Each structure stands twice: as C-alpha cells, then as structure tokens.
C-alpha cells in the first residue's frame, strides 16, 4: 500500500503549499472519510481559500519528512511550528466533545 492511501487516490493541500513554497505544518488523517490534509495552517485555510487535490507523492517530493507520518491513525493530526522542527502527533477531538 502506498503512503497516504485515500478513497480517491488524492490528498488535500493548498495552492500556497503546492505552488508558493509554504511549509507543511499541519497534517490530518480525517476520521469521517479517510482523507488526508497537508496544509500550512497560517493563512492557507482562511475563508475563500479552496483546497486542491494532488497525489501524495508530489508533497513527499516537497517535504520528505512526510513519509514518517504515513502511519498516522484515522482521527489524528501531526503538527510542527516550522519545517525544521520534529512532528508532534495527537488525537483530534471528536465531534461529540
């Protein structure tokens, strides 16, 4: 199985990450649909910003450290304050909380 398998074969990111060189600082593995999101989180998810779908391999080429997150469980997220920091993993709060 390839890293970051999704039902569609694609993952979510932002144009800023994919095309403008913004660092990936937040990764989520969504419990409701199994999709992955790779975003910066500091402006690329504001109102009016639309996510884009790409193959995970494109993001791994931009940031090889993402491979270490391929085993992130459903409903978890990983984050870091900048691209030089290690990833921190944590369960996301459930919608019932």
C-alpha atoms as a PDB file:
ATOM      1  CA  UNK A   1       0.000   0.000   0.000  1.00  0.00           C
ATOM      2  CA  UNK A   2       1.339   3.418  -0.950  1.00  0.00           C
ATOM      3  CA  UNK A   3       1.728   6.040   1.773  1.00  0.00           C
ATOM      4  CA  UNK A   4      -1.350   8.155   2.399  1.00  0.00           C
ATOM      5  CA  UNK A   5      -3.895   5.943   0.611  1.00  0.00           C
ATOM      6  CA  UNK A   6      -7.277   7.606   0.215  1.00  0.00           C
ATOM      7  CA  UNK A   7     -10.564   6.561  -1.370  1.00  0.00           C
ATOM      8  CA  UNK A   8      -9.859   8.860  -4.341  1.00  0.00           C
ATOM      9  CA  UNK A   9      -6.094   8.286  -4.510  1.00  0.00           C
ATOM     10  CA  UNK A  10      -5.584  12.023  -3.891  1.00  0.00           C
ATOM     11  CA  UNK A  11      -4.911  14.165  -0.815  1.00  0.00           C
ATOM     12  CA  UNK A  12      -5.892  17.722   0.076  1.00  0.00           C
ATOM     13  CA  UNK A  13      -3.434  20.588   0.219  1.00  0.00           C
ATOM     14  CA  UNK A  14      -3.424  24.302  -0.536  1.00  0.00           C
ATOM     15  CA  UNK A  15      -2.176  26.242  -3.525  1.00  0.00           C
ATOM     16  CA  UNK A  16       0.244  28.015  -1.179  1.00  0.00           C
ATOM     17  CA  UNK A  17       1.872  24.707  -0.212  1.00  0.00           C
ATOM     18  CA  UNK A  18       1.863  23.223  -3.700  1.00  0.00           C
ATOM     19  CA  UNK A  19       2.860  26.248  -5.745  1.00  0.00           C
ATOM     20  CA  UNK A  20       4.143  29.019  -3.455  1.00  0.00           C
ATOM     21  CA  UNK A  21       6.629  27.139  -1.293  1.00  0.00           C
ATOM     22  CA  UNK A  22       4.753  27.363   2.011  1.00  0.00           C
ATOM     23  CA  UNK A  23       5.883  24.718   4.518  1.00  0.00           C
ATOM     24  CA  UNK A  24       3.550  21.905   5.513  1.00  0.00           C
ATOM     25  CA  UNK A  25       2.999  22.391   9.239  1.00  0.00           C
ATOM     26  CA  UNK A  26      -0.294  20.528   9.779  1.00  0.00           C
ATOM     27  CA  UNK A  27      -1.286  17.057   8.605  1.00  0.00           C
ATOM     28  CA  UNK A  28      -4.616  15.427   9.399  1.00  0.00           C
ATOM     29  CA  UNK A  29      -5.991  11.952   8.719  1.00  0.00           C
ATOM     30  CA  UNK A  30      -9.720  12.538   8.770  1.00  0.00           C
ATOM     31  CA  UNK A  31     -11.787  10.002  10.664  1.00  0.00           C
ATOM     32  CA  UNK A  32     -15.033  10.717   8.795  1.00  0.00           C
ATOM     33  CA  UNK A  33     -13.838   9.970   5.257  1.00  0.00           C
ATOM     34  CA  UNK A  34     -10.255   8.659   5.499  1.00  0.00           C
ATOM     35  CA  UNK A  35      -8.794  11.578   3.581  1.00  0.00           C
ATOM     36  CA  UNK A  36      -5.512  13.303   4.339  1.00  0.00           C
ATOM     37  CA  UNK A  37      -4.900  17.050   4.528  1.00  0.00           C
ATOM     38  CA  UNK A  38      -1.459  18.655   4.207  1.00  0.00           C
ATOM     39  CA  UNK A  39      -1.603  22.371   4.949  1.00  0.00           C
ATOM     40  CA  UNK A  40       0.428  25.192   6.393  1.00  0.00           C
ATOM     41  CA  UNK A  41      -2.394  26.373   8.643  1.00  0.00           C
ATOM     42  CA  UNK A  42      -1.312  30.020   8.847  1.00  0.00           C
ATOM     43  CA  UNK A  43      -3.437  31.672   6.182  1.00  0.00           C
ATOM     44  CA  UNK A  44      -3.913  28.991   3.565  1.00  0.00           C
ATOM     45  CA  UNK A  45      -7.228  27.810   5.047  1.00  0.00           C
ATOM     46  CA  UNK A  46      -8.943  31.171   5.563  1.00  0.00           C
ATOM     47  CA  UNK A  47     -12.361  31.899   4.077  1.00  0.00           C
ATOM     48  CA  UNK A  48     -12.238  31.940   0.316  1.00  0.00           C
ATOM     49  CA  UNK A  49      -9.210  29.645   0.107  1.00  0.00           C
ATOM     50  CA  UNK A  50     -10.122  26.463  -1.712  1.00  0.00           C
ATOM     51  CA  UNK A  51      -8.250  23.220  -1.140  1.00  0.00           C
ATOM     52  CA  UNK A  52      -6.740  21.409  -4.095  1.00  0.00           C
ATOM     53  CA  UNK A  53      -6.326  17.672  -4.652  1.00  0.00           C
ATOM     54  CA  UNK A  54      -2.928  16.216  -5.557  1.00  0.00           C
ATOM     55  CA  UNK A  55      -1.135  12.881  -5.391  1.00  0.00           C
ATOM     56  CA  UNK A  56       0.671  12.491  -2.069  1.00  0.00           C
ATOM     57  CA  UNK A  57       3.928  11.771  -3.912  1.00  0.00           C
ATOM     58  CA  UNK A  58       4.077  15.414  -5.048  1.00  0.00           C
ATOM     59  CA  UNK A  59       4.006  16.544  -1.422  1.00  0.00           C
ATOM     60  CA  UNK A  60       6.565  13.939  -0.359  1.00  0.00           C
ATOM     61  CA  UNK A  61       8.878  15.353  -3.039  1.00  0.00           C
ATOM     62  CA  UNK A  62       8.424  18.815  -1.487  1.00  0.00           C
ATOM     63  CA  UNK A  63       8.918  17.522   2.081  1.00  0.00           C
ATOM     64  CA  UNK A  64      10.380  14.018   2.518  1.00  0.00           C
ATOM     65  CA  UNK A  65       9.712  14.150   6.295  1.00  0.00           C
ATOM     66  CA  UNK A  66       6.058  13.452   5.499  1.00  0.00           C
ATOM     67  CA  UNK A  67       6.878   9.765   4.994  1.00  0.00           C
ATOM     68  CA  UNK A  68       7.279   9.469   8.765  1.00  0.00           C
ATOM     69  CA  UNK A  69       3.571  10.307   9.122  1.00  0.00           C
ATOM     70  CA  UNK A  70       2.219   7.600   6.820  1.00  0.00           C
ATOM     71  CA  UNK A  71       1.126   5.526   9.829  1.00  0.00           C
ATOM     72  CA  UNK A  72      -0.856   8.388  11.420  1.00  0.00           C
ATOM     73  CA  UNK A  73      -4.122   6.782  12.601  1.00  0.00           C
ATOM     74  CA  UNK A  74      -7.559   7.900  11.482  1.00  0.00           C
ATOM     75  CA  UNK A  75      -8.691  10.855  13.563  1.00  0.00           C
ATOM     76  CA  UNK A  76      -5.164  12.039  14.380  1.00  0.00           C
ATOM     77  CA  UNK A  77      -3.140  15.050  13.377  1.00  0.00           C
ATOM     78  CA  UNK A  78       0.533  15.927  13.293  1.00  0.00           C
ATOM     79  CA  UNK A  79       1.851  19.457  13.589  1.00  0.00           C
ATOM     80  CA  UNK A  80       5.030  21.459  13.995  1.00  0.00           C
ATOM     81  CA  UNK A  81       5.819  25.137  14.400  1.00  0.00           C
ATOM     82  CA  UNK A  82       8.213  25.282  11.443  1.00  0.00           C
ATOM     83  CA  UNK A  83       9.734  22.945   8.879  1.00  0.00           C
ATOM     84  CA  UNK A  84      12.905  22.458  10.956  1.00  0.00           C
ATOM     85  CA  UNK A  85      11.011  21.106  13.990  1.00  0.00           C
ATOM     86  CA  UNK A  86      10.008  17.488  14.631  1.00  0.00           C
ATOM     87  CA  UNK A  87       6.399  16.421  14.156  1.00  0.00           C
ATOM     88  CA  UNK A  88       4.092  16.218  17.201  1.00  0.00           C
ATOM     89  CA  UNK A  89       1.235  13.712  16.950  1.00  0.00           C
ATOM     90  CA  UNK A  90      -2.081  13.879  18.771  1.00  0.00           C
ATOM     91  CA  UNK A  91      -5.608  12.568  18.531  1.00  0.00           C
ATOM     92  CA  UNK A  92      -8.049  15.164  17.253  1.00  0.00           C
ATOM     93  CA  UNK A  93     -11.014  15.896  19.483  1.00  0.00           C
ATOM     94  CA  UNK A  94     -14.114  14.045  18.345  1.00  0.00           C
ATOM     95  CA  UNK A  95     -17.131  15.965  17.110  1.00  0.00           C
ATOM     96  CA  UNK A  96     -19.034  14.740  20.178  1.00  0.00           C
ATOM     97  CA  UNK A  97     -16.623  16.519  22.581  1.00  0.00           C
END
